């Protein structure tokens, strides 16, 4: 009987260890929030880059930028 109890305890301990490795539902929700926040920040950053670039082209600084690109 002791051997059977030890086997059950070992299985329960293994289940507890595996359960620790599985992500919790709130962790999954926060991953989705982080992912969408990152995508939004990337889009805002890209939009800002395009705006600054268009201003530099309009002010004539774009021609300097074009010369630098040609040198590469």
PDB file of N, CA and C in Angstrom:
ATOM      1  N   UNK A   1       0.822  -1.198   0.000  1.00  0.00           N
ATOM      2  CA  UNK A   1       0.000   0.000   0.000  1.00  0.00           C
ATOM      3  C   UNK A   1       0.864   1.258   0.000  1.00  0.00           C
ATOM      4  N   UNK A   2       1.999   1.223   0.709  1.00  0.00           N
ATOM      5  CA  UNK A   2       2.899   2.376   0.777  1.00  0.00           C
ATOM      6  C   UNK A   2       3.468   2.684  -0.594  1.00  0.00           C
ATOM      7  N   UNK A   3       3.742   1.644  -1.378  1.00  0.00           N
ATOM      8  CA  UNK A   3       4.312   1.823  -2.695  1.00  0.00           C
ATOM      9  C   UNK A   3       3.294   2.509  -3.612  1.00  0.00           C
ATOM     10  N   UNK A   4       2.029   2.125  -3.466  1.00  0.00           N
ATOM     11  CA  UNK A   4       0.964   2.724  -4.269  1.00  0.00           C
ATOM     12  C   UNK A   4       0.807   4.211  -3.924  1.00  0.00           C
ATOM     13  N   UNK A   5       0.835   4.560  -2.639  1.00  0.00           N
ATOM     14  CA  UNK A   5       0.730   5.957  -2.197  1.00  0.00           C
ATOM     15  C   UNK A   5       1.908   6.781  -2.708  1.00  0.00           C
ATOM     16  N   UNK A   6       3.092   6.198  -2.705  1.00  0.00           N
ATOM     17  CA  UNK A   6       4.276   6.902  -3.198  1.00  0.00           C
ATOM     18  C   UNK A   6       4.148   7.179  -4.694  1.00  0.00           C
ATOM     19  N   UNK A   7       3.569   6.220  -5.410  1.00  0.00           N
ATOM     20  CA  UNK A   7       3.365   6.412  -6.842  1.00  0.00           C
ATOM     21  C   UNK A   7       2.364   7.526  -7.125  1.00  0.00           C
ATOM     22  N   UNK A   8       1.305   7.568  -6.356  1.00  0.00           N
ATOM     23  CA  UNK A   8       0.296   8.617  -6.528  1.00  0.00           C
ATOM     24  C   UNK A   8       0.893   9.974  -6.189  1.00  0.00           C
ATOM     25  N   UNK A   9       1.674  10.029  -5.108  1.00  0.00           N
ATOM     26  CA  UNK A   9       2.310  11.286  -4.716  1.00  0.00           C
ATOM     27  C   UNK A   9       3.288  11.769  -5.787  1.00  0.00           C
ATOM     28  N   UNK A  10       4.005  10.834  -6.392  1.00  0.00           N
ATOM     29  CA  UNK A  10       4.946  11.196  -7.451  1.00  0.00           C
ATOM     30  C   UNK A  10       4.202  11.752  -8.661  1.00  0.00           C
ATOM     31  N   UNK A  11       3.079  11.119  -9.023  1.00  0.00           N
ATOM     32  CA  UNK A  11       2.291  11.614 -10.154  1.00  0.00           C
ATOM     33  C   UNK A  11       1.716  12.997  -9.858  1.00  0.00           C
ATOM     34  N   UNK A  12       1.224  13.192  -8.644  1.00  0.00           N
ATOM     35  CA  UNK A  12       0.674  14.501  -8.279  1.00  0.00           C
ATOM     36  C   UNK A  12       1.765  15.575  -8.296  1.00  0.00           C
ATOM     37  N   UNK A  13       2.958  15.217  -7.837  1.00  0.00           N
ATOM     38  CA  UNK A  13       4.070  16.169  -7.863  1.00  0.00           C
ATOM     39  C   UNK A  13       4.443  16.515  -9.303  1.00  0.00           C
ATOM     40  N   UNK A  14       4.417  15.533 -10.181  1.00  0.00           N
ATOM     41  CA  UNK A  14       4.726  15.780 -11.590  1.00  0.00           C
ATOM     42  C   UNK A  14       3.674  16.688 -12.215  1.00  0.00           C
ATOM     43  N   UNK A  15       2.416  16.471 -11.896  1.00  0.00           N
ATOM     44  CA  UNK A  15       1.338  17.311 -12.416  1.00  0.00           C
ATOM     45  C   UNK A  15       1.513  18.747 -11.929  1.00  0.00           C
ATOM     46  N   UNK A  16       1.882  18.921 -10.660  1.00  0.00           N
ATOM     47  CA  UNK A  16       2.104  20.270 -10.129  1.00  0.00           C
ATOM     48  C   UNK A  16       3.253  20.967 -10.848  1.00  0.00           C
ATOM     49  N   UNK A  17       4.315  20.239 -11.150  1.00  0.00           N
ATOM     50  CA  UNK A  17       5.464  20.827 -11.849  1.00  0.00           C
ATOM     51  C   UNK A  17       5.093  21.236 -13.281  1.00  0.00           C
ATOM     52  N   UNK A  18       4.340  20.392 -13.963  1.00  0.00           N
ATOM     53  CA  UNK A  18       3.910  20.720 -15.316  1.00  0.00           C
ATOM     54  C   UNK A  18       2.966  21.914 -15.292  1.00  0.00           C
ATOM     55  N   UNK A  19       2.082  21.980 -14.310  1.00  0.00           N
ATOM     56  CA  UNK A  19       1.147  23.097 -14.197  1.00  0.00           C
ATOM     57  C   UNK A  19       1.894  24.418 -14.011  1.00  0.00           C
ATOM     58  N   UNK A  20       3.041  24.381 -13.344  1.00  0.00           N
ATOM     59  CA  UNK A  20       3.843  25.599 -13.170  1.00  0.00           C
ATOM     60  C   UNK A  20       4.369  26.108 -14.510  1.00  0.00           C
ATOM     61  N   UNK A  21       4.595  25.208 -15.457  1.00  0.00           N
ATOM     62  CA  UNK A  21       5.142  25.591 -16.752  1.00  0.00           C
ATOM     63  C   UNK A  21       4.086  26.152 -17.699  1.00  0.00           C
ATOM     64  N   UNK A  22       2.840  25.825 -17.466  1.00  0.00           N
ATOM     65  CA  UNK A  22       1.774  26.289 -18.350  1.00  0.00           C
ATOM     66  C   UNK A  22       1.466  27.757 -18.062  1.00  0.00           C
ATOM     67  N   UNK A  23       1.263  28.561 -19.110  1.00  0.00           N
ATOM     68  CA  UNK A  23       0.958  29.979 -18.897  1.00  0.00           C
ATOM     69  C   UNK A  23      -0.416  30.160 -18.268  1.00  0.00           C
ATOM     70  N   UNK A  24      -0.505  31.155 -17.415  1.00  0.00           N
ATOM     71  CA  UNK A  24      -1.773  31.465 -16.781  1.00  0.00           C
ATOM     72  C   UNK A  24      -2.607  32.332 -17.722  1.00  0.00           C
ATOM     73  N   UNK A  25      -3.921  32.250 -17.637  1.00  0.00           N
ATOM     74  CA  UNK A  25      -4.770  33.052 -18.534  1.00  0.00           C
ATOM     75  C   UNK A  25      -4.475  34.553 -18.459  1.00  0.00           C
ATOM     76  N   UNK A  26      -4.196  35.085 -17.266  1.00  0.00           N
ATOM     77  CA  UNK A  26      -3.908  36.513 -17.168  1.00  0.00           C
ATOM     78  C   UNK A  26      -2.570  36.845 -17.822  1.00  0.00           C
ATOM     79  N   UNK A  27      -1.634  35.900 -17.830  1.00  0.00           N
ATOM     80  CA  UNK A  27      -0.368  36.113 -18.525  1.00  0.00           C
ATOM     81  C   UNK A  27      -0.596  36.192 -20.026  1.00  0.00           C
ATOM     82  N   UNK A  28      -1.459  35.341 -20.538  1.00  0.00           N
ATOM     83  CA  UNK A  28      -1.770  35.367 -21.968  1.00  0.00           C
ATOM     84  C   UNK A  28      -2.446  36.675 -22.357  1.00  0.00           C
ATOM     85  N   UNK A  29      -3.317  37.176 -21.496  1.00  0.00           N
ATOM     86  CA  UNK A  29      -3.996  38.440 -21.777  1.00  0.00           C
ATOM     87  C   UNK A  29      -2.992  39.588 -21.799  1.00  0.00           C
ATOM     88  N   UNK A  30      -2.026  39.566 -20.890  1.00  0.00           N
ATOM     89  CA  UNK A  30      -1.049  40.652 -20.865  1.00  0.00           C
ATOM     90  C   UNK A  30      -0.133  40.584 -22.081  1.00  0.00           C
ATOM     91  N   UNK A  31       0.132  39.402 -22.602  1.00  0.00           N
ATOM     92  CA  UNK A  31       0.950  39.271 -23.812  1.00  0.00           C
ATOM     93  C   UNK A  31       0.238  39.930 -24.987  1.00  0.00           C
ATOM     94  N   UNK A  32      -1.059  39.730 -25.099  1.00  0.00           N
ATOM     95  CA  UNK A  32      -1.820  40.361 -26.177  1.00  0.00           C
ATOM     96  C   UNK A  32      -1.815  41.881 -26.037  1.00  0.00           C
ATOM     97  N   UNK A  33      -1.920  42.376 -24.818  1.00  0.00           N
ATOM     98  CA  UNK A  33      -1.884  43.814 -24.576  1.00  0.00           C
ATOM     99  C   UNK A  33      -0.526  44.378 -24.940  1.00  0.00           C
ATOM    100  N   UNK A  34       0.528  43.702 -24.545  1.00  0.00           N
ATOM    101  CA  UNK A  34       1.883  44.151 -24.857  1.00  0.00           C
ATOM    102  C   UNK A  34       2.102  44.149 -26.366  1.00  0.00           C
ATOM    103  N   UNK A  35       1.650  43.119 -27.039  1.00  0.00           N
ATOM    104  CA  UNK A  35       1.814  43.020 -28.492  1.00  0.00           C
ATOM    105  C   UNK A  35       1.092  44.156 -29.206  1.00  0.00           C
ATOM    106  N   UNK A  36      -0.142  44.440 -28.832  1.00  0.00           N
ATOM    107  CA  UNK A  36      -0.886  45.513 -29.493  1.00  0.00           C
ATOM    108  C   UNK A  36      -0.293  46.877 -29.163  1.00  0.00           C
ATOM    109  N   UNK A  37       0.201  47.065 -27.939  1.00  0.00           N
ATOM    110  CA  UNK A  37       0.853  48.319 -27.563  1.00  0.00           C
ATOM    111  C   UNK A  37       2.127  48.520 -28.378  1.00  0.00           C
ATOM    112  N   UNK A  38       2.891  47.467 -28.560  1.00  0.00           N
ATOM    113  CA  UNK A  38       4.114  47.535 -29.355  1.00  0.00           C
ATOM    114  C   UNK A  38       3.808  47.904 -30.798  1.00  0.00           C
ATOM    115  N   UNK A  39       2.794  47.275 -31.384  1.00  0.00           N
ATOM    116  CA  UNK A  39       2.422  47.565 -32.770  1.00  0.00           C
ATOM    117  C   UNK A  39       1.986  49.017 -32.920  1.00  0.00           C
ATOM    118  N   UNK A  40       1.231  49.517 -31.956  1.00  0.00           N
ATOM    119  CA  UNK A  40       0.794  50.912 -32.002  1.00  0.00           C
ATOM    120  C   UNK A  40       1.982  51.860 -31.914  1.00  0.00           C
ATOM    121  N   UNK A  41       2.926  51.581 -31.009  1.00  0.00           N
ATOM    122  CA  UNK A  41       4.112  52.434 -30.876  1.00  0.00           C
ATOM    123  C   UNK A  41       4.962  52.406 -32.140  1.00  0.00           C
ATOM    124  N   UNK A  42       5.087  51.250 -32.763  1.00  0.00           N
ATOM    125  CA  UNK A  42       5.846  51.153 -34.007  1.00  0.00           C
ATOM    126  C   UNK A  42       5.191  51.993 -35.104  1.00  0.00           C
ATOM    127  N   UNK A  43       3.870  51.938 -35.185  1.00  0.00           N
ATOM    128  CA  UNK A  43       3.152  52.704 -36.196  1.00  0.00           C
ATOM    129  C   UNK A  43       3.313  54.202 -35.957  1.00  0.00           C
ATOM    130  N   UNK A  44       3.198  54.635 -34.705  1.00  0.00           N
ATOM    131  CA  UNK A  44       3.370  56.050 -34.375  1.00  0.00           C
ATOM    132  C   UNK A  44       4.792  56.493 -34.700  1.00  0.00           C
ATOM    133  N   UNK A  45       5.761  55.671 -34.381  1.00  0.00           N
ATOM    134  CA  UNK A  45       7.153  55.997 -34.669  1.00  0.00           C
ATOM    135  C   UNK A  45       7.380  56.131 -36.171  1.00  0.00           C
ATOM    136  N   UNK A  46       6.827  55.231 -36.949  1.00  0.00           N
ATOM    137  CA  UNK A  46       6.982  55.275 -38.398  1.00  0.00           C
ATOM    138  C   UNK A  46       6.283  56.501 -38.978  1.00  0.00           C
ATOM    139  N   UNK A  47       5.090  56.799 -38.477  1.00  0.00           N
ATOM    140  CA  UNK A  47       4.368  57.984 -38.942  1.00  0.00           C
ATOM    141  C   UNK A  47       5.153  59.257 -38.637  1.00  0.00           C
ATOM    142  N   UNK A  48       5.761  59.329 -37.460  1.00  0.00           N
ATOM    143  CA  UNK A  48       6.576  60.483 -37.099  1.00  0.00           C
ATOM    144  C   UNK A  48       7.785  60.591 -38.020  1.00  0.00           C
ATOM    145  N   UNK A  49       8.420  59.472 -38.324  1.00  0.00           N
ATOM    146  CA  UNK A  49       9.553  59.471 -39.241  1.00  0.00           C
ATOM    147  C   UNK A  49       9.138  60.023 -40.603  1.00  0.00           C
ATOM    148  N   UNK A  50       8.021  59.550 -41.129  1.00  0.00           N
ATOM    149  CA  UNK A  50       7.553  60.028 -42.435  1.00  0.00           C
ATOM    150  C   UNK A  50       7.245  61.519 -42.409  1.00  0.00           C
ATOM    151  N   UNK A  51       6.664  61.995 -41.324  1.00  0.00           N
ATOM    152  CA  UNK A  51       6.345  63.412 -41.197  1.00  0.00           C
ATOM    153  C   UNK A  51       7.619  64.252 -41.186  1.00  0.00           C
ATOM    154  N   UNK A  52       8.599  63.862 -40.385  1.00  0.00           N
ATOM    155  CA  UNK A  52       9.862  64.608 -40.304  1.00  0.00           C
ATOM    156  C   UNK A  52      10.587  64.557 -41.642  1.00  0.00           C
ATOM    157  N   UNK A  53      10.578  63.420 -42.285  1.00  0.00           N
ATOM    158  CA  UNK A  53      11.228  63.300 -43.589  1.00  0.00           C
ATOM    159  C   UNK A  53      10.563  64.208 -44.620  1.00  0.00           C
ATOM    160  N   UNK A  54       9.232  64.220 -44.632  1.00  0.00           N
ATOM    161  CA  UNK A  54       8.536  65.081 -45.596  1.00  0.00           C
ATOM    162  C   UNK A  54       8.825  66.554 -45.317  1.00  0.00           C
ATOM    163  N   UNK A  55       8.944  66.945 -44.048  1.00  0.00           N
ATOM    164  CA  UNK A  55       9.316  68.326 -43.733  1.00  0.00           C
ATOM    165  C   UNK A  55      10.715  68.645 -44.221  1.00  0.00           C
ATOM    166  N   UNK A  56      11.624  67.699 -44.064  1.00  0.00           N
ATOM    167  CA  UNK A  56      12.996  67.952 -44.502  1.00  0.00           C
ATOM    168  C   UNK A  56      13.084  68.047 -46.014  1.00  0.00           C
ATOM    169  N   UNK A  57      12.287  67.279 -46.725  1.00  0.00           N
ATOM    170  CA  UNK A  57      12.274  67.348 -48.184  1.00  0.00           C
ATOM    171  C   UNK A  57      11.726  68.707 -48.629  1.00  0.00           C
ATOM    172  N   UNK A  58      10.679  69.160 -47.968  1.00  0.00           N
ATOM    173  CA  UNK A  58      10.083  70.452 -48.324  1.00  0.00           C
ATOM    174  C   UNK A  58      11.025  71.613 -48.038  1.00  0.00           C
ATOM    175  N   UNK A  59      11.855  71.484 -47.011  1.00  0.00           N
ATOM    176  CA  UNK A  59      12.727  72.593 -46.635  1.00  0.00           C
ATOM    177  C   UNK A  59      14.048  72.576 -47.387  1.00  0.00           C
ATOM    178  N   UNK A  60      14.282  71.578 -48.220  1.00  0.00           N
ATOM    179  CA  UNK A  60      15.518  71.517 -48.983  1.00  0.00           C
ATOM    180  C   UNK A  60      16.562  70.631 -48.352  1.00  0.00           C
ATOM    181  N   UNK A  61      16.341  70.209 -47.124  1.00  0.00           N
ATOM    182  CA  UNK A  61      17.295  69.314 -46.478  1.00  0.00           C
ATOM    183  C   UNK A  61      17.244  67.940 -47.120  1.00  0.00           C
ATOM    184  N   UNK A  62      16.179  67.670 -47.820  1.00  0.00           N
ATOM    185  CA  UNK A  62      16.049  66.381 -48.496  1.00  0.00           C
ATOM    186  C   UNK A  62      17.096  66.197 -49.563  1.00  0.00           C
ATOM    187  N   UNK A  63      17.500  67.298 -50.204  1.00  0.00           N
ATOM    188  CA  UNK A  63      18.523  67.166 -51.237  1.00  0.00           C
ATOM    189  C   UNK A  63      19.849  66.736 -50.632  1.00  0.00           C
ATOM    190  N   UNK A  64      20.139  67.241 -49.435  1.00  0.00           N
ATOM    191  CA  UNK A  64      21.360  66.808 -48.734  1.00  0.00           C
ATOM    192  C   UNK A  64      21.265  65.334 -48.387  1.00  0.00           C
ATOM    193  N   UNK A  65      20.083  64.900 -47.949  1.00  0.00           N
ATOM    194  CA  UNK A  65      19.864  63.503 -47.611  1.00  0.00           C
ATOM    195  C   UNK A  65      20.064  62.624 -48.848  1.00  0.00           C
ATOM    196  N   UNK A  66      19.591  63.092 -50.002  1.00  0.00           N
ATOM    197  CA  UNK A  66      19.740  62.329 -51.258  1.00  0.00           C
ATOM    198  C   UNK A  66      21.207  62.197 -51.626  1.00  0.00           C
ATOM    199  N   UNK A  67      21.997  63.262 -51.400  1.00  0.00           N
ATOM    200  CA  UNK A  67      23.434  63.208 -51.709  1.00  0.00           C
ATOM    201  C   UNK A  67      24.116  62.189 -50.824  1.00  0.00           C
ATOM    202  N   UNK A  68      23.757  62.181 -49.556  1.00  0.00           N
ATOM    203  CA  UNK A  68      24.350  61.212 -48.627  1.00  0.00           C
ATOM    204  C   UNK A  68      24.000  59.796 -49.043  1.00  0.00           C
ATOM    205  N   UNK A  69      22.763  59.568 -49.464  1.00  0.00           N
ATOM    206  CA  UNK A  69      22.372  58.231 -49.905  1.00  0.00           C
ATOM    207  C   UNK A  69      23.142  57.805 -51.147  1.00  0.00           C
ATOM    208  N   UNK A  70      23.410  58.757 -52.058  1.00  0.00           N
ATOM    209  CA  UNK A  70      24.155  58.422 -53.263  1.00  0.00           C
ATOM    210  C   UNK A  70      25.602  58.041 -52.942  1.00  0.00           C
ATOM    211  N   UNK A  71      26.141  58.577 -51.846  1.00  0.00           N
ATOM    212  CA  UNK A  71      27.529  58.281 -51.481  1.00  0.00           C
ATOM    213  C   UNK A  71      27.684  56.857 -50.974  1.00  0.00           C
ATOM    214  N   UNK A  72      26.616  56.306 -50.407  1.00  0.00           N
ATOM    215  CA  UNK A  72      26.678  54.938 -49.880  1.00  0.00           C
ATOM    216  C   UNK A  72      26.704  53.964 -50.955  1.00  0.00           C
TER     217      UNK A  72
END
